[in-house]
């Protein structure tokens, strides 16, 4: 069983945070949800208006990432972060 508390700490997930999981494979989404301390809100879809402490993104290709990052700059709270997860092939 993975050390979920250690994972949350490494990724900077703290109680009270709102995080967004975009295009997450089901096992990855489940692992992150399990790692979250109490009080964390996890969204699986962007409503176009919310702001997030952390955004986790699983891109299928590098094409278009610059545009996505430009849009995310308005969705991240000050001192927030974007994590890009690249799956091994």
N, C-alpha and C. Protein backbone atom coordinates (compact mmCIF):
# COMPACT_ATOMS: atom_id res chain seq x y z
N UNK A 1 0.85 -1.19 0.00
CA UNK A 1 0.00 0.00 0.00
C UNK A 1 0.89 1.24 0.00
N UNK A 2 0.61 2.20 -0.87
CA UNK A 2 1.44 3.39 -0.94
C UNK A 2 1.28 4.26 0.30
N UNK A 3 2.32 5.02 0.58
CA UNK A 3 2.31 5.97 1.69
C UNK A 3 1.55 7.21 1.24
N UNK A 4 0.23 7.24 1.44
CA UNK A 4 -0.59 8.33 0.91
C UNK A 4 -0.32 9.65 1.64
N UNK A 5 -0.02 9.59 2.93
CA UNK A 5 0.29 10.82 3.65
C UNK A 5 1.57 11.44 3.10
N UNK A 6 2.55 10.59 2.83
CA UNK A 6 3.80 11.08 2.24
C UNK A 6 3.58 11.64 0.85
N UNK A 7 2.69 11.02 0.09
CA UNK A 7 2.38 11.51 -1.26
C UNK A 7 1.74 12.89 -1.19
N UNK A 8 0.79 13.07 -0.30
CA UNK A 8 0.13 14.37 -0.15
C UNK A 8 1.16 15.44 0.22
N UNK A 9 2.05 15.09 1.10
CA UNK A 9 3.09 16.04 1.53
C UNK A 9 4.00 16.40 0.36
N UNK A 10 4.43 15.41 -0.41
CA UNK A 10 5.31 15.65 -1.56
C UNK A 10 4.65 16.53 -2.61
N UNK A 11 3.35 16.34 -2.81
CA UNK A 11 2.62 17.10 -3.82
C UNK A 11 2.10 18.44 -3.31
N UNK A 12 2.26 18.69 -2.04
CA UNK A 12 1.83 19.97 -1.48
C UNK A 12 0.34 20.06 -1.19
N UNK A 13 -0.32 18.92 -1.04
CA UNK A 13 -1.77 18.91 -0.76
C UNK A 13 -1.97 19.12 0.75
N UNK A 14 -2.70 20.18 1.07
CA UNK A 14 -2.92 20.53 2.47
C UNK A 14 -4.42 20.61 2.77
N UNK A 15 -4.79 20.42 4.05
CA UNK A 15 -6.20 20.54 4.42
C UNK A 15 -6.75 21.90 3.99
N UNK A 16 -7.98 21.89 3.49
CA UNK A 16 -8.63 23.12 3.06
C UNK A 16 -8.39 23.47 1.60
N UNK A 17 -7.49 22.77 0.94
CA UNK A 17 -7.20 23.06 -0.46
C UNK A 17 -8.33 22.60 -1.37
N UNK A 18 -8.41 23.24 -2.51
CA UNK A 18 -9.28 22.80 -3.60
C UNK A 18 -8.35 22.41 -4.74
N UNK A 19 -8.50 21.17 -5.21
CA UNK A 19 -7.64 20.69 -6.28
C UNK A 19 -8.49 20.23 -7.46
N UNK A 20 -7.88 20.29 -8.63
CA UNK A 20 -8.54 19.89 -9.87
C UNK A 20 -7.74 18.78 -10.51
N UNK A 21 -8.41 17.70 -10.88
CA UNK A 21 -7.79 16.59 -11.60
C UNK A 21 -8.33 16.61 -13.02
N UNK A 22 -7.45 16.87 -14.00
CA UNK A 22 -7.88 16.94 -15.40
C UNK A 22 -7.32 15.77 -16.20
N UNK A 23 -8.22 15.02 -16.81
CA UNK A 23 -7.85 13.88 -17.66
C UNK A 23 -7.10 12.81 -16.89
N UNK A 24 -7.41 12.67 -15.62
CA UNK A 24 -6.71 11.69 -14.78
C UNK A 24 -7.19 10.27 -15.06
N UNK A 25 -6.25 9.34 -15.26
CA UNK A 25 -6.64 7.93 -15.33
C UNK A 25 -7.26 7.53 -13.99
N UNK A 26 -8.22 6.65 -14.03
CA UNK A 26 -8.94 6.26 -12.81
C UNK A 26 -8.03 5.83 -11.67
N UNK A 27 -6.99 5.01 -11.90
CA UNK A 27 -6.13 4.62 -10.77
C UNK A 27 -5.39 5.82 -10.17
N UNK A 28 -4.96 6.74 -11.00
CA UNK A 28 -4.26 7.93 -10.49
C UNK A 28 -5.20 8.82 -9.70
N UNK A 29 -6.41 9.01 -10.20
CA UNK A 29 -7.40 9.82 -9.49
C UNK A 29 -7.72 9.21 -8.13
N UNK A 30 -7.87 7.89 -8.10
CA UNK A 30 -8.17 7.22 -6.83
C UNK A 30 -7.01 7.36 -5.84
N UNK A 31 -5.79 7.23 -6.32
CA UNK A 31 -4.62 7.37 -5.46
C UNK A 31 -4.55 8.78 -4.87
N UNK A 32 -4.77 9.78 -5.69
CA UNK A 32 -4.73 11.16 -5.19
C UNK A 32 -5.87 11.44 -4.22
N UNK A 33 -7.06 10.94 -4.53
CA UNK A 33 -8.18 11.13 -3.60
C UNK A 33 -7.87 10.50 -2.24
N UNK A 34 -7.30 9.31 -2.25
CA UNK A 34 -6.95 8.63 -1.01
C UNK A 34 -5.86 9.37 -0.24
N UNK A 35 -4.99 10.08 -0.97
CA UNK A 35 -3.88 10.79 -0.34
C UNK A 35 -4.31 12.10 0.31
N UNK A 36 -5.47 12.62 -0.08
CA UNK A 36 -5.89 13.92 0.40
C UNK A 36 -6.24 13.90 1.88
N UNK A 37 -5.71 14.85 2.64
CA UNK A 37 -6.11 14.96 4.04
C UNK A 37 -7.55 15.45 4.14
N UNK A 38 -8.16 15.32 5.30
CA UNK A 38 -9.53 15.81 5.47
C UNK A 38 -9.64 17.29 5.11
N UNK A 39 -10.77 17.65 4.54
CA UNK A 39 -11.03 19.05 4.22
C UNK A 39 -10.59 19.47 2.84
N UNK A 40 -10.05 18.56 2.05
CA UNK A 40 -9.64 18.88 0.68
C UNK A 40 -10.82 18.64 -0.25
N UNK A 41 -11.08 19.60 -1.13
CA UNK A 41 -12.11 19.46 -2.14
C UNK A 41 -11.45 19.06 -3.44
N UNK A 42 -11.94 17.97 -4.05
CA UNK A 42 -11.38 17.47 -5.30
C UNK A 42 -12.41 17.60 -6.40
N UNK A 43 -12.04 18.28 -7.49
CA UNK A 43 -12.92 18.41 -8.66
C UNK A 43 -12.33 17.60 -9.80
N UNK A 44 -13.21 16.94 -10.55
CA UNK A 44 -12.79 16.15 -11.70
C UNK A 44 -13.03 16.89 -13.01
N UNK A 45 -13.75 17.99 -12.94
CA UNK A 45 -14.04 18.78 -14.14
C UNK A 45 -13.96 20.25 -13.77
N UNK A 46 -13.48 21.04 -14.70
CA UNK A 46 -13.34 22.47 -14.50
C UNK A 46 -14.65 23.15 -14.86
N UNK A 47 -15.19 23.93 -13.95
CA UNK A 47 -16.47 24.60 -14.23
C UNK A 47 -16.27 25.92 -14.97
N UNK A 48 -15.01 26.30 -15.22
CA UNK A 48 -14.73 27.52 -15.96
C UNK A 48 -14.62 28.77 -15.10
N UNK A 49 -14.93 28.66 -13.81
CA UNK A 49 -14.89 29.83 -12.94
C UNK A 49 -14.14 29.62 -11.64
N UNK A 50 -14.07 28.40 -11.15
CA UNK A 50 -13.45 28.14 -9.85
C UNK A 50 -11.96 28.41 -9.90
N UNK A 51 -11.40 28.68 -8.72
CA UNK A 51 -9.95 28.83 -8.59
C UNK A 51 -9.46 27.68 -7.73
N UNK A 52 -8.27 27.24 -8.02
CA UNK A 52 -7.73 26.04 -7.38
C UNK A 52 -6.38 26.31 -6.75
N UNK A 53 -6.10 25.58 -5.67
CA UNK A 53 -4.78 25.63 -5.06
C UNK A 53 -3.79 24.81 -5.88
N UNK A 54 -4.27 23.68 -6.37
CA UNK A 54 -3.43 22.79 -7.17
C UNK A 54 -4.24 22.26 -8.35
N UNK A 55 -3.59 22.20 -9.50
CA UNK A 55 -4.19 21.58 -10.69
C UNK A 55 -3.26 20.45 -11.10
N UNK A 56 -3.83 19.26 -11.25
CA UNK A 56 -3.09 18.10 -11.72
C UNK A 56 -3.61 17.78 -13.12
N UNK A 57 -2.69 17.70 -14.07
CA UNK A 57 -3.04 17.53 -15.48
C UNK A 57 -2.31 16.33 -16.05
N UNK A 58 -3.06 15.47 -16.73
CA UNK A 58 -2.51 14.32 -17.43
C UNK A 58 -2.72 14.53 -18.93
N UNK A 59 -1.79 15.24 -19.61
CA UNK A 59 -1.99 15.50 -21.03
C UNK A 59 -1.75 14.25 -21.87
N UNK A 60 -2.49 14.14 -22.96
CA UNK A 60 -2.30 13.03 -23.90
C UNK A 60 -1.17 13.34 -24.88
N UNK A 61 -0.91 14.62 -25.11
CA UNK A 61 0.14 15.05 -26.03
C UNK A 61 0.64 16.42 -25.59
N UNK A 62 1.83 16.78 -26.05
CA UNK A 62 2.41 18.08 -25.71
C UNK A 62 1.75 19.21 -26.50
N UNK A 63 1.15 18.90 -27.62
CA UNK A 63 0.49 19.92 -28.43
C UNK A 63 -0.60 20.61 -27.62
N UNK A 64 -0.59 21.92 -27.63
CA UNK A 64 -1.62 22.69 -26.95
C UNK A 64 -1.38 22.96 -25.48
N UNK A 65 -0.28 22.45 -24.94
CA UNK A 65 -0.02 22.67 -23.51
C UNK A 65 0.19 24.15 -23.18
N UNK A 66 0.86 24.87 -24.05
CA UNK A 66 1.10 26.29 -23.78
C UNK A 66 -0.21 27.05 -23.63
N UNK A 67 -1.17 26.76 -24.47
CA UNK A 67 -2.48 27.41 -24.37
C UNK A 67 -3.21 27.03 -23.10
N UNK A 68 -3.10 25.77 -22.71
CA UNK A 68 -3.75 25.34 -21.47
C UNK A 68 -3.12 26.03 -20.26
N UNK A 69 -1.78 26.13 -20.26
CA UNK A 69 -1.10 26.81 -19.15
C UNK A 69 -1.51 28.27 -19.08
N UNK A 70 -1.63 28.91 -20.23
CA UNK A 70 -2.04 30.32 -20.25
C UNK A 70 -3.42 30.48 -19.62
N UNK A 71 -4.33 29.57 -19.90
CA UNK A 71 -5.67 29.63 -19.32
C UNK A 71 -5.64 29.33 -17.82
N UNK A 72 -4.78 28.42 -17.41
CA UNK A 72 -4.72 28.04 -16.00
C UNK A 72 -4.17 29.15 -15.11
N UNK A 73 -3.39 30.08 -15.68
CA UNK A 73 -2.81 31.12 -14.83
C UNK A 73 -3.89 31.94 -14.12
N UNK A 74 -5.06 31.99 -14.68
CA UNK A 74 -6.17 32.74 -14.06
C UNK A 74 -6.98 31.86 -13.12
N UNK A 75 -6.70 30.58 -13.10
CA UNK A 75 -7.48 29.64 -12.30
C UNK A 75 -6.76 29.21 -11.03
N UNK A 76 -5.48 29.56 -10.95
CA UNK A 76 -4.66 29.17 -9.80
C UNK A 76 -4.65 30.32 -8.80
N UNK A 77 -4.78 29.99 -7.52
CA UNK A 77 -4.68 30.99 -6.47
C UNK A 77 -3.21 31.42 -6.36
N UNK A 78 -2.94 32.60 -5.77
CA UNK A 78 -1.55 32.97 -5.55
C UNK A 78 -0.83 31.86 -4.78
N UNK A 79 0.36 31.56 -5.19
CA UNK A 79 1.18 30.49 -4.60
C UNK A 79 0.64 29.09 -4.90
N UNK A 80 -0.30 28.97 -5.84
CA UNK A 80 -0.79 27.66 -6.25
C UNK A 80 0.22 26.98 -7.17
N UNK A 81 -0.13 25.79 -7.65
CA UNK A 81 0.79 25.05 -8.51
C UNK A 81 0.02 24.20 -9.51
N UNK A 82 0.70 23.92 -10.61
CA UNK A 82 0.19 23.00 -11.62
C UNK A 82 1.16 21.84 -11.71
N UNK A 83 0.64 20.65 -11.55
CA UNK A 83 1.43 19.44 -11.71
C UNK A 83 1.04 18.79 -13.04
N UNK A 84 2.02 18.50 -13.88
CA UNK A 84 1.77 17.81 -15.14
C UNK A 84 2.31 16.39 -15.00
N UNK A 85 1.42 15.44 -15.18
CA UNK A 85 1.78 14.04 -15.03
C UNK A 85 1.96 13.41 -16.41
N UNK A 86 3.14 12.95 -16.70
CA UNK A 86 3.41 12.29 -17.97
C UNK A 86 3.49 10.79 -17.71
N UNK A 87 2.62 10.06 -18.36
CA UNK A 87 2.59 8.62 -18.15
C UNK A 87 3.75 7.95 -18.89
N UNK A 88 4.32 6.95 -18.26
CA UNK A 88 5.37 6.19 -18.91
C UNK A 88 4.75 5.32 -19.98
N UNK A 89 5.47 5.16 -21.06
CA UNK A 89 4.95 4.32 -22.15
C UNK A 89 5.58 2.97 -22.14
